[in-house]
Amino acid sequence: MSTTDTRIPRLVIAAPASGSGKTTVATGLMRAFADAGLAVSPHKVGPDYIDPGYHALATGRPGRNLDAYMCGPERIAPLFLHGAAGCDLALVEGVMGLYDGASGQGELASTAHVAKLLKAPVVLVVDASSQSRSVAALVHGFASWDPEVRVAGVILNKVGSDRHEALLREALEESGVPVLGALRRVRAVDTPSRHLGLVPVAERSAEALAAVAAQAAQVREGCDLEGLLALARSAPPLEAKAWDPAAALWAGVPQGGTGGHNPTTGPHPKNAPVIAVAGGPAFTFSYTEHTELLRAAGAEVVPFDPLRDEALPDRTAALVIGGGFPEVYAPELSANEPLRKAVAELAASGAPIAAECAGLLYLARSLDGRPMCGVLPAEARMSERLTLGYREAVAISDTPLAAAGTRVRGHEFHRTVVEPGAGATPAWGFTHPARRVEGFTSGGVHASYLHVHWAGAPGTAARLVAGLPGR
């Protein structure tokens, strides 16, 4: 871990429930403060990939996740300090309702849990569209539920009129929680959704820019930015050191079984092995720390777009295909036959291929009847059923990503089905919340629906790079 300033001004933007408008408010605040000349560090509680894309668009910095389930509570403050280093302000968007955490595990991974780990003031975004005086009871309940959670302000969202706002403010006067903003209903700030949430930034860049600008204009008009900044500056120093990818890799070596490989802290060496990472509109789900870990381990990371690139990057020694929406782009992915063949040839050579969720679908024989890479003996299709939740898993066999017996915590989030659901040698044995096997391993391929945050399992990146030629 590296030393950094631990007095970073910070706020957690939370809500009583999903759908209250916290993404709109958080993104608008990020852009408004960035437009005012502040260096703003954006963060998101939980495993969500899409909101951080909007955060990045608003701030010009990578959107980072703070997931206490997948990464462990002990890493939340270090990861936060790593992402926020050198910034004037950090804004953390919550997940679901303030106190909603991992199912059946109390406060773990909830917004409240992360706020306590960060010692951060909480601003509660309340959908006031169908209430007036009752808002005071709602805010009082959330503010008093856990004395360690400092609910220090309220932003009223979807306010109907000046009269409605006056009633709400009057009701909240005796709550002891100040109103730091009141926002009207504005259609221009809305962001379209589909089967897994918001449409990612990479798929609608021009419209996304306009939406973020509108969100910033709305919060500038309706929020007390000076009051919010003063509140952020009231956060105390954190008793932690910033997470460092190279140090994390070295600490993870015994777990990952990298055979004594010593990760580098500098830029990748000349002729470093190339790891190609899928991107573009079809593969938008990734955590920034994955690339940082791979580079710290000595790899050269080169992005490519399976929708447009007909060949893998030069000298590709390994391939990482994360999550996204290949089902939306199945015709285009299928039509790019040269790249599909290149991926199949790489797999046949035994080179490491790490595929999560969307990557799993892309490696299948077909997706909704359209030919894919044909690396896996499986067919994929869309489904009406949403599979969603945290998972505990154990690696069933040795692969380029994990030694047999390695335990990880991950997350599933998809509306697709792969048949069969597991190969002859599955990738994982799920141990919680239900026991089953899942995914495929063969040669260098490790493909699964399970999303894993590598900051919580640093041996993954170390092991992947250490197994490449020349390492």
Protein backbone atom coordinates (compact mmCIF):
# COMPACT_ATOMS: atom_id res chain seq x y z
CA MET A 1 0.00 0.00 0.00
CA SER A 2 1.12 3.57 -0.68
CA THR A 3 0.86 6.63 1.48
CA THR A 4 -1.66 9.30 0.46
CA ASP A 5 -3.70 12.08 2.01
CA THR A 6 -6.46 10.45 4.09
CA ARG A 7 -8.40 13.70 4.63
CA ILE A 8 -10.21 13.59 1.30
CA PRO A 9 -13.57 15.45 1.47
CA ARG A 10 -16.30 12.91 0.75
CA LEU A 11 -20.03 12.28 0.69
CA VAL A 12 -22.15 9.16 0.27
CA ILE A 13 -25.29 9.75 -1.82
CA ALA A 14 -27.90 7.26 -0.57
CA ALA A 15 -31.66 6.74 -0.72
CA PRO A 16 -34.42 4.96 1.20
CA ALA A 17 -35.01 2.64 -1.76
CA SER A 18 -34.06 1.95 -5.36
CA GLY A 19 -35.74 4.24 -7.85
CA SER A 20 -35.44 7.36 -5.68
CA GLY A 21 -33.11 9.07 -8.14
CA LYS A 22 -29.73 8.71 -6.47
CA THR A 23 -27.91 7.95 -9.74
CA THR A 24 -29.30 11.10 -11.34
CA VAL A 25 -28.42 13.20 -8.30
CA ALA A 26 -24.98 11.66 -7.74
CA THR A 27 -23.99 12.00 -11.41
CA GLY A 28 -25.33 15.55 -11.57
CA LEU A 29 -23.37 16.52 -8.47
CA MET A 30 -20.20 14.96 -9.86
CA ARG A 31 -20.49 16.95 -13.07
CA ALA A 32 -21.51 20.17 -11.31
CA PHE A 33 -18.51 20.07 -8.98
CA ALA A 34 -16.19 19.08 -11.85
CA ASP A 35 -17.49 22.00 -13.90
CA ALA A 36 -16.66 24.24 -10.92
CA GLY A 37 -13.02 23.22 -11.27
CA LEU A 38 -12.79 20.51 -8.62
CA ALA A 39 -11.06 17.19 -9.22
CA VAL A 40 -13.88 14.78 -8.37
CA SER A 41 -13.33 11.08 -7.63
CA PRO A 42 -16.42 8.96 -8.48
CA HIS A 43 -17.32 5.75 -6.65
CA LYS A 44 -20.21 3.28 -6.59
CA VAL A 45 -21.21 0.95 -3.76
CA GLY A 46 -21.74 -2.64 -4.90
CA PRO A 47 -21.01 -4.59 -8.08
CA ASP A 48 -22.78 -2.36 -10.61
CA TYR A 49 -20.80 -1.67 -13.82
CA ILE A 50 -23.13 0.74 -15.61
CA ASP A 51 -23.44 3.66 -13.18
CA PRO A 52 -19.63 4.07 -12.96
CA GLY A 53 -19.62 4.66 -16.73
CA TYR A 54 -21.84 7.71 -16.23
CA HIS A 55 -19.71 8.78 -13.28
CA ALA A 56 -16.61 8.64 -15.47
CA LEU A 57 -18.35 10.69 -18.14
CA ALA A 58 -19.26 13.30 -15.51
CA THR A 59 -15.81 13.60 -13.92
CA GLY A 60 -13.24 12.53 -16.48
CA ARG A 61 -11.88 9.97 -14.01
CA PRO A 62 -12.46 6.20 -13.82
CA GLY A 63 -15.61 5.21 -11.96
CA ARG A 64 -14.65 2.77 -9.21
CA ASN A 65 -16.65 0.24 -7.22
CA LEU A 66 -16.56 -0.26 -3.46
CA ASP A 67 -17.92 -3.73 -2.81
CA ALA A 68 -17.43 -4.98 0.74
CA TYR A 69 -18.73 -8.45 -0.14
CA MET A 70 -16.42 -9.20 -3.05
CA CYS A 71 -13.37 -7.24 -1.88
CA GLY A 72 -13.78 -7.53 1.89
CA PRO A 73 -14.57 -4.70 4.35
CA GLU A 74 -10.87 -4.28 5.13
CA ARG A 75 -10.15 -3.17 1.54
CA ILE A 76 -12.88 -0.52 1.20
CA ALA A 77 -10.98 2.42 2.69
CA PRO A 78 -7.70 1.48 0.92
CA LEU A 79 -9.48 1.13 -2.46
CA PHE A 80 -11.26 4.43 -1.88
CA LEU A 81 -8.00 6.22 -1.07
CA HIS A 82 -6.34 4.69 -4.13
CA GLY A 83 -9.08 5.95 -6.44
CA ALA A 84 -9.44 9.36 -4.80
CA ALA A 85 -5.73 10.18 -4.52
CA GLY A 86 -5.06 13.80 -5.45
CA CYS A 87 -8.74 14.73 -5.70
CA ASP A 88 -10.55 17.68 -4.11
CA LEU A 89 -13.76 15.75 -3.49
CA ALA A 90 -15.02 12.16 -3.61
CA LEU A 91 -18.66 11.28 -4.19
CA VAL A 92 -19.90 7.76 -3.50
CA GLU A 93 -23.22 6.64 -4.97
CA GLY A 94 -24.98 4.05 -2.85
CA VAL A 95 -26.78 0.88 -3.85
CA MET A 96 -30.48 0.04 -3.32
CA GLY A 97 -31.80 1.39 -0.02
CA LEU A 98 -29.35 2.78 2.55
CA TYR A 99 -29.46 -0.29 4.81
CA ASP A 100 -29.92 -3.00 2.15
CA GLY A 101 -26.92 -5.35 2.05
CA ALA A 102 -26.00 -8.86 0.97
CA SER A 103 -29.01 -11.10 1.40
CA GLY A 104 -29.13 -12.73 4.81
CA GLN A 105 -25.84 -11.16 5.96
CA GLY A 106 -26.96 -8.09 7.86
CA GLU A 107 -25.35 -4.82 6.87
CA LEU A 108 -22.54 -6.42 4.83
CA ALA A 109 -21.97 -4.55 1.55
CA SER A 110 -24.81 -2.10 2.20
CA THR A 111 -24.43 1.62 1.56
CA ALA A 112 -24.60 2.16 5.33
CA HIS A 113 -21.77 -0.35 5.85
CA VAL A 114 -19.53 1.40 3.30
CA ALA A 115 -20.40 4.84 4.72
CA LYS A 116 -19.24 3.66 8.16
CA LEU A 117 -16.05 2.16 6.76
CA LEU A 118 -15.32 5.49 5.05
CA LYS A 119 -16.48 7.64 8.00
CA ALA A 120 -18.42 9.60 5.39
CA PRO A 121 -21.46 11.86 5.86
CA VAL A 122 -24.58 10.53 4.10
CA VAL A 123 -26.93 12.64 2.01
CA LEU A 124 -30.32 10.97 1.61
CA VAL A 125 -32.10 11.40 -1.74
CA VAL A 126 -35.84 11.12 -1.06
CA ASP A 127 -38.51 10.63 -3.73
CA ALA A 128 -41.02 13.16 -2.41
CA SER A 129 -43.52 12.80 -5.26
CA SER A 130 -46.27 11.18 -3.19
CA GLN A 131 -45.82 12.65 0.29
CA SER A 132 -45.58 15.85 2.27
CA ARG A 133 -45.42 15.78 6.11
CA SER A 134 -44.64 12.04 6.13
CA VAL A 135 -41.21 12.84 4.73
CA ALA A 136 -40.13 13.91 8.22
CA ALA A 137 -40.99 10.50 9.69
CA LEU A 138 -39.17 8.76 6.86
CA VAL A 139 -36.00 10.82 7.27
CA HIS A 140 -36.11 10.58 11.07
CA GLY A 141 -36.33 6.79 10.83
CA PHE A 142 -33.36 6.49 8.50
CA ALA A 143 -31.27 8.99 10.46
CA SER A 144 -31.87 7.30 13.81
CA TRP A 145 -31.76 3.63 12.79
CA ASP A 146 -27.99 3.25 13.18
CA PRO A 147 -26.21 5.87 15.32
CA GLU A 148 -22.92 5.11 13.54
CA VAL A 149 -24.39 6.23 10.20
CA ARG A 150 -24.33 10.01 9.94
CA VAL A 151 -27.32 11.03 7.81
CA ALA A 152 -26.34 14.68 7.56
CA GLY A 153 -28.52 16.06 4.79
CA VAL A 154 -31.51 15.47 2.52
CA ILE A 155 -32.06 16.17 -1.15
CA LEU A 156 -35.75 16.15 -2.05
CA ASN A 157 -36.32 14.68 -5.51
CA LYS A 158 -39.33 14.81 -7.85
CA VAL A 159 -40.85 17.80 -6.07
CA GLY A 160 -44.10 18.83 -7.74
CA SER A 161 -44.31 22.59 -7.12
CA ASP A 162 -43.17 25.50 -4.98
CA ARG A 163 -46.07 24.80 -2.59
CA HIS A 164 -45.08 21.12 -2.36
CA GLU A 165 -41.48 22.11 -1.61
CA ALA A 166 -42.58 24.50 1.14
CA LEU A 167 -44.64 21.76 2.81
CA LEU A 168 -41.70 19.35 2.68
CA ARG A 169 -39.23 21.85 4.09
CA GLU A 170 -41.61 22.79 6.88
CA ALA A 171 -42.10 19.17 7.84
CA LEU A 172 -38.34 18.57 7.96
CA GLU A 173 -37.50 21.60 10.09
CA GLU A 174 -37.86 19.60 13.32
CA SER A 175 -36.02 16.51 12.07
CA GLY A 176 -32.58 17.95 12.68
CA VAL A 177 -31.49 16.93 9.17
CA PRO A 178 -31.02 19.93 6.87
CA VAL A 179 -32.48 20.08 3.37
CA LEU A 180 -29.58 20.56 0.97
CA GLY A 181 -31.56 20.44 -2.24
CA ALA A 182 -34.99 20.25 -3.85
CA LEU A 183 -35.28 19.01 -7.42
CA ARG A 184 -38.25 19.21 -9.76
CA ARG A 185 -39.26 16.50 -12.22
CA VAL A 186 -37.22 17.06 -15.41
CA ARG A 187 -37.52 14.66 -18.33
CA ALA A 188 -34.17 15.70 -19.85
CA VAL A 189 -32.24 14.11 -16.97
CA ASP A 190 -33.76 10.67 -17.50
CA THR A 191 -31.51 7.85 -18.72
CA PRO A 192 -33.08 4.97 -20.69
CA SER A 193 -33.10 1.49 -19.21
CA ARG A 194 -33.51 -2.06 -20.48
CA HIS A 195 -33.32 -5.63 -19.15
CA LEU A 196 -30.27 -5.19 -16.86
CA GLY A 197 -30.58 -1.49 -15.93
CA LEU A 198 -29.38 1.72 -17.55
CA VAL A 199 -28.10 1.67 -21.12
CA PRO A 200 -24.26 1.92 -20.86
CA VAL A 201 -22.47 5.12 -21.84
CA ALA A 202 -20.50 3.36 -24.59
CA GLU A 203 -23.74 2.65 -26.45
CA ARG A 204 -25.12 6.22 -26.40
CA SER A 205 -22.23 8.64 -25.94
CA ALA A 206 -23.87 11.76 -27.39
CA GLU A 207 -27.15 11.23 -25.58
CA ALA A 208 -25.33 10.32 -22.38
CA LEU A 209 -23.32 13.55 -22.52
CA ALA A 210 -26.53 15.54 -22.91
CA ALA A 211 -28.20 13.70 -20.03
CA VAL A 212 -25.23 14.26 -17.70
CA ALA A 213 -25.13 17.95 -18.61
CA ALA A 214 -28.85 18.23 -17.87
CA GLN A 215 -28.38 16.46 -14.53
CA ALA A 216 -25.63 18.91 -13.61
CA ALA A 217 -27.81 21.88 -14.54
CA GLN A 218 -30.62 20.52 -12.41
CA VAL A 219 -28.51 20.07 -9.27
CA ARG A 220 -26.82 23.45 -9.75
CA GLU A 221 -30.24 25.08 -9.76
CA GLY A 222 -31.79 23.03 -6.96
CA CYS A 223 -28.95 22.07 -4.57
CA ASP A 224 -26.85 23.96 -2.06
CA LEU A 225 -23.47 23.10 -3.55
CA GLU A 226 -21.57 25.17 -1.00
CA GLY A 227 -23.38 23.41 1.84
CA LEU A 228 -22.71 20.00 0.34
CA LEU A 229 -19.02 20.77 -0.13
CA ALA A 230 -18.76 22.03 3.46
CA LEU A 231 -20.39 18.82 4.65
CA ALA A 232 -17.94 16.74 2.61
CA ARG A 233 -15.04 18.63 4.15
CA SER A 234 -16.30 17.73 7.64
CA ALA A 235 -15.38 14.06 7.09
CA PRO A 236 -12.50 13.01 9.40
CA PRO A 237 -9.19 11.50 8.22
CA LEU A 238 -9.25 7.79 7.43
CA GLU A 239 -6.97 5.45 9.37
CA ALA A 240 -5.85 3.53 6.31
CA LYS A 241 -3.28 3.49 3.51
CA ALA A 242 -4.11 3.58 -0.15
CA TRP A 243 -4.42 0.26 -1.96
CA ASP A 244 -1.52 -0.40 -4.32
CA PRO A 245 -1.89 -2.95 -7.14
CA ALA A 246 1.72 -4.15 -7.04
CA ALA A 247 1.67 -4.61 -3.27
CA ALA A 248 -1.70 -6.36 -3.54
CA LEU A 249 -0.30 -8.77 -6.13
CA TRP A 250 2.68 -9.65 -3.98
CA ALA A 251 0.41 -10.25 -0.98
CA GLY A 252 -1.78 -12.47 -3.16
CA VAL A 253 1.01 -14.69 -4.49
CA PRO A 254 0.63 -17.53 -1.93
CA GLN A 255 -3.12 -17.73 -2.64
CA GLY A 256 -2.74 -17.54 -6.40
CA GLY A 257 0.15 -19.96 -6.76
CA THR A 258 2.18 -17.85 -9.17
CA GLY A 259 5.33 -19.90 -8.84
CA GLY A 260 7.41 -17.14 -7.30
CA HIS A 261 6.66 -14.45 -9.89
CA ASN A 262 7.49 -11.03 -8.48
CA PRO A 263 5.12 -8.37 -9.86
CA THR A 264 6.64 -5.16 -11.08
CA THR A 265 5.73 -1.73 -9.76
CA GLY A 266 6.88 0.13 -12.85
CA PRO A 267 5.59 0.34 -16.43
CA HIS A 268 5.45 -2.90 -18.38
CA PRO A 269 8.87 -3.98 -19.65
CA LYS A 270 9.77 -4.02 -23.31
CA ASN A 271 8.33 -7.06 -25.06
CA ALA A 272 5.98 -7.68 -22.11
CA PRO A 273 3.29 -10.26 -22.84
CA VAL A 274 0.20 -8.70 -24.38
CA ILE A 275 -3.17 -9.33 -22.73
CA ALA A 276 -6.03 -8.33 -25.01
CA VAL A 277 -9.08 -7.00 -23.19
CA ALA A 278 -12.45 -6.88 -24.94
CA GLY A 279 -14.23 -3.53 -24.93
CA GLY A 280 -16.54 -1.47 -27.10
CA PRO A 281 -20.34 -1.26 -26.80
CA ALA A 282 -20.85 -5.03 -26.42
CA PHE A 283 -18.35 -5.53 -23.57
CA THR A 284 -18.65 -2.57 -21.21
CA PHE A 285 -18.48 -4.37 -17.83
CA SER A 286 -15.05 -4.15 -16.24
CA TYR A 287 -13.40 -2.96 -13.06
CA THR A 288 -10.54 -0.46 -13.43
CA GLU A 289 -8.47 -2.35 -10.88
CA HIS A 290 -8.30 -5.40 -13.19
CA THR A 291 -6.23 -3.51 -15.74
CA GLU A 292 -4.12 -1.95 -12.98
CA LEU A 293 -3.37 -5.37 -11.52
CA LEU A 294 -2.46 -6.88 -14.90
CA ARG A 295 -0.09 -4.01 -15.64
CA ALA A 296 1.43 -4.22 -12.17
CA ALA A 297 2.06 -7.92 -12.83
CA GLY A 298 4.13 -7.03 -15.88
CA ALA A 299 1.66 -7.35 -18.77
CA GLU A 300 0.91 -4.93 -21.56
CA VAL A 301 -2.88 -4.48 -21.67
CA VAL A 302 -4.33 -3.72 -25.10
CA PRO A 303 -8.07 -3.11 -25.60
CA PHE A 304 -9.95 -4.27 -28.68
CA ASP A 305 -13.54 -4.08 -29.91
CA PRO A 306 -15.09 -7.40 -31.04
CA LEU A 307 -17.72 -5.46 -32.99
CA ARG A 308 -15.18 -3.72 -35.24
CA ASP A 309 -11.73 -5.32 -34.99
CA GLU A 310 -11.22 -8.27 -37.31
CA ALA A 311 -8.04 -9.46 -35.58
CA LEU A 312 -6.71 -9.69 -32.06
CA PRO A 313 -3.99 -7.19 -31.07
CA ASP A 314 -0.46 -8.04 -32.19
CA ARG A 315 1.38 -10.52 -29.94
CA THR A 316 -1.75 -11.41 -27.96
CA ALA A 317 -0.71 -14.00 -25.38
CA ALA A 318 -3.91 -14.01 -23.32
CA LEU A 319 -7.45 -12.77 -23.62
CA VAL A 320 -9.85 -11.23 -21.08
CA ILE A 321 -13.51 -10.93 -22.08
CA GLY A 322 -15.63 -9.36 -19.36
CA GLY A 323 -19.33 -8.65 -19.07
CA GLY A 324 -21.65 -6.58 -21.17
CA PHE A 325 -24.53 -6.98 -23.61
CA PRO A 326 -23.53 -9.37 -26.42
CA GLU A 327 -27.19 -10.36 -26.72
CA VAL A 328 -27.94 -6.83 -27.99
CA TYR A 329 -25.17 -7.08 -30.57
CA ALA A 330 -25.40 -10.74 -31.49
CA PRO A 331 -25.85 -10.08 -35.25
CA GLU A 332 -22.77 -7.83 -35.42
CA LEU A 333 -20.62 -10.13 -33.28
CA SER A 334 -21.61 -13.10 -35.40
CA ALA A 335 -20.92 -11.21 -38.62
CA ASN A 336 -17.32 -10.55 -37.53
CA GLU A 337 -16.23 -14.02 -38.59
CA PRO A 338 -12.48 -13.26 -38.84
CA LEU A 339 -12.30 -12.29 -35.17
CA ARG A 340 -14.42 -15.26 -34.08
CA LYS A 341 -11.97 -17.55 -35.85
CA ALA A 342 -8.99 -15.76 -34.29
CA VAL A 343 -10.44 -16.25 -30.80
CA ALA A 344 -11.10 -19.93 -31.52
CA GLU A 345 -7.54 -20.39 -32.76
CA LEU A 346 -6.13 -18.69 -29.67
CA ALA A 347 -8.17 -21.02 -27.47
CA ALA A 348 -7.01 -24.06 -29.43
CA SER A 349 -3.38 -22.99 -28.85
CA GLY A 350 -3.88 -23.29 -25.09
CA ALA A 351 -3.43 -19.58 -24.41
CA PRO A 352 -5.22 -18.30 -21.28
CA ILE A 353 -8.71 -16.93 -21.91
CA ALA A 354 -10.67 -15.47 -18.99
CA ALA A 355 -14.34 -14.99 -19.83
CA GLU A 356 -17.04 -13.64 -17.51
CA CYS A 357 -20.77 -13.62 -18.31
CA ALA A 358 -20.83 -11.83 -21.69
CA GLY A 359 -17.49 -13.46 -22.45
CA LEU A 360 -19.04 -16.85 -21.69
CA LEU A 361 -21.81 -16.17 -24.24
CA TYR A 362 -19.30 -15.01 -26.86
CA LEU A 363 -17.26 -18.21 -26.51
CA ALA A 364 -20.34 -20.44 -26.90
CA ARG A 365 -21.31 -22.14 -30.15
CA SER A 366 -24.23 -19.78 -30.65
CA LEU A 367 -26.17 -16.93 -29.05
CA ASP A 368 -29.87 -16.76 -29.85
CA GLY A 369 -29.20 -18.99 -32.85
CA ARG A 370 -26.35 -16.88 -34.27
CA PRO A 371 -22.86 -18.44 -34.53
CA MET A 372 -20.33 -17.26 -31.96
CA CYS A 373 -16.72 -18.37 -31.39
CA GLY A 374 -17.50 -22.06 -30.87
CA VAL A 375 -14.89 -22.47 -28.15
CA LEU A 376 -17.36 -23.95 -25.65
CA PRO A 377 -19.69 -26.94 -26.23
CA ALA A 378 -22.74 -24.86 -25.30
CA GLU A 379 -25.61 -22.83 -26.73
CA ALA A 380 -26.70 -19.49 -25.23
CA ARG A 381 -30.03 -17.70 -25.41
CA MET A 382 -32.00 -14.88 -23.83
CA SER A 383 -34.34 -15.74 -20.96
CA GLU A 384 -37.22 -14.05 -19.14
CA ARG A 385 -35.67 -15.00 -15.80
CA LEU A 386 -33.27 -12.64 -14.05
CA THR A 387 -30.39 -14.33 -12.23
CA LEU A 388 -29.01 -11.92 -9.66
CA GLY A 389 -27.04 -12.13 -6.45
CA TYR A 390 -23.78 -12.59 -4.62
CA ARG A 391 -22.13 -16.00 -4.73
CA GLU A 392 -19.43 -17.86 -2.81
CA ALA A 393 -17.45 -20.24 -4.99
CA VAL A 394 -14.47 -22.58 -5.00
CA ALA A 395 -12.27 -23.40 -8.02
CA ILE A 396 -12.77 -27.03 -8.99
CA SER A 397 -9.50 -27.51 -10.87
CA ASP A 398 -6.26 -25.71 -11.68
CA THR A 399 -6.76 -23.01 -14.32
CA PRO A 400 -4.81 -19.94 -15.47
CA LEU A 401 -6.97 -17.89 -13.08
CA ALA A 402 -7.04 -19.97 -9.90
CA ALA A 403 -5.54 -23.03 -8.28
CA ALA A 404 -7.93 -25.82 -7.34
CA GLY A 405 -9.52 -25.06 -4.00
CA THR A 406 -9.20 -21.28 -4.32
CA ARG A 407 -12.22 -19.61 -2.72
CA VAL A 408 -13.70 -16.41 -4.11
CA ARG A 409 -16.73 -14.22 -3.68
CA GLY A 410 -18.46 -12.97 -6.81
CA HIS A 411 -21.70 -11.79 -8.35
CA GLU A 412 -24.14 -13.09 -10.98
CA PHE A 413 -26.30 -10.73 -13.06
CA HIS A 414 -27.86 -11.91 -16.32
CA ARG A 415 -31.03 -12.68 -18.26
CA THR A 416 -29.51 -15.38 -20.41
CA VAL A 417 -29.15 -19.14 -20.17
CA VAL A 418 -26.27 -21.34 -21.32
CA GLU A 419 -27.04 -25.02 -22.01
CA PRO A 420 -25.46 -27.02 -20.57
CA GLY A 421 -24.69 -24.82 -17.57
CA ALA A 422 -21.35 -26.51 -16.90
CA GLY A 423 -18.73 -28.40 -18.84
CA ALA A 424 -17.01 -31.68 -18.10
CA THR A 425 -14.70 -29.72 -15.80
CA PRO A 426 -16.73 -26.81 -14.38
CA ALA A 427 -15.10 -23.50 -13.51
CA TRP A 428 -16.65 -23.15 -10.06
CA GLY A 429 -18.48 -25.03 -7.41
CA PHE A 430 -20.91 -22.59 -5.81
CA THR A 431 -21.17 -23.05 -2.05
CA HIS A 432 -23.58 -20.20 -1.21
CA PRO A 433 -26.45 -19.45 -1.39
CA ALA A 434 -27.07 -22.76 -3.19
CA ARG A 435 -24.70 -25.60 -4.06
CA ARG A 436 -24.14 -26.22 -7.77
CA VAL A 437 -21.40 -26.34 -10.37
CA GLU A 438 -21.09 -23.75 -13.10
CA GLY A 439 -18.94 -22.70 -16.03
CA PHE A 440 -16.34 -24.32 -18.28
CA THR A 441 -12.61 -24.96 -18.18
CA SER A 442 -10.53 -26.61 -20.86
CA GLY A 443 -6.90 -25.97 -21.78
CA GLY A 444 -6.35 -22.32 -20.99
CA VAL A 445 -10.04 -21.36 -21.04
CA HIS A 446 -11.89 -20.32 -17.90
CA ALA A 447 -15.47 -19.24 -18.71
CA SER A 448 -18.24 -18.57 -16.23
CA TYR A 449 -21.21 -16.37 -15.41
CA LEU A 450 -19.49 -15.34 -12.18
CA HIS A 451 -18.12 -11.79 -11.99
CA VAL A 452 -15.15 -11.55 -9.61
CA HIS A 453 -13.52 -8.32 -8.46
CA TRP A 454 -9.82 -9.09 -8.69
CA ALA A 455 -8.92 -6.62 -5.94
CA GLY A 456 -10.56 -9.14 -3.63
CA ALA A 457 -8.61 -12.01 -5.21
CA PRO A 458 -5.29 -10.48 -6.35
CA GLY A 459 -3.76 -13.89 -6.96
CA THR A 460 -5.97 -14.06 -10.07
CA ALA A 461 -4.06 -11.41 -12.03
CA ALA A 462 -0.68 -12.56 -10.70
CA ARG A 463 -1.36 -16.17 -11.72
CA LEU A 464 -2.67 -15.20 -15.16
CA VAL A 465 0.39 -13.15 -16.06
CA ALA A 466 2.90 -15.53 -14.45
CA GLY A 467 1.74 -18.34 -16.73
CA LEU A 468 2.47 -16.44 -19.95
CA PRO A 469 5.53 -17.06 -22.13
CA GLY A 470 8.59 -15.16 -20.93
CA ARG A 471 7.32 -14.63 -17.39
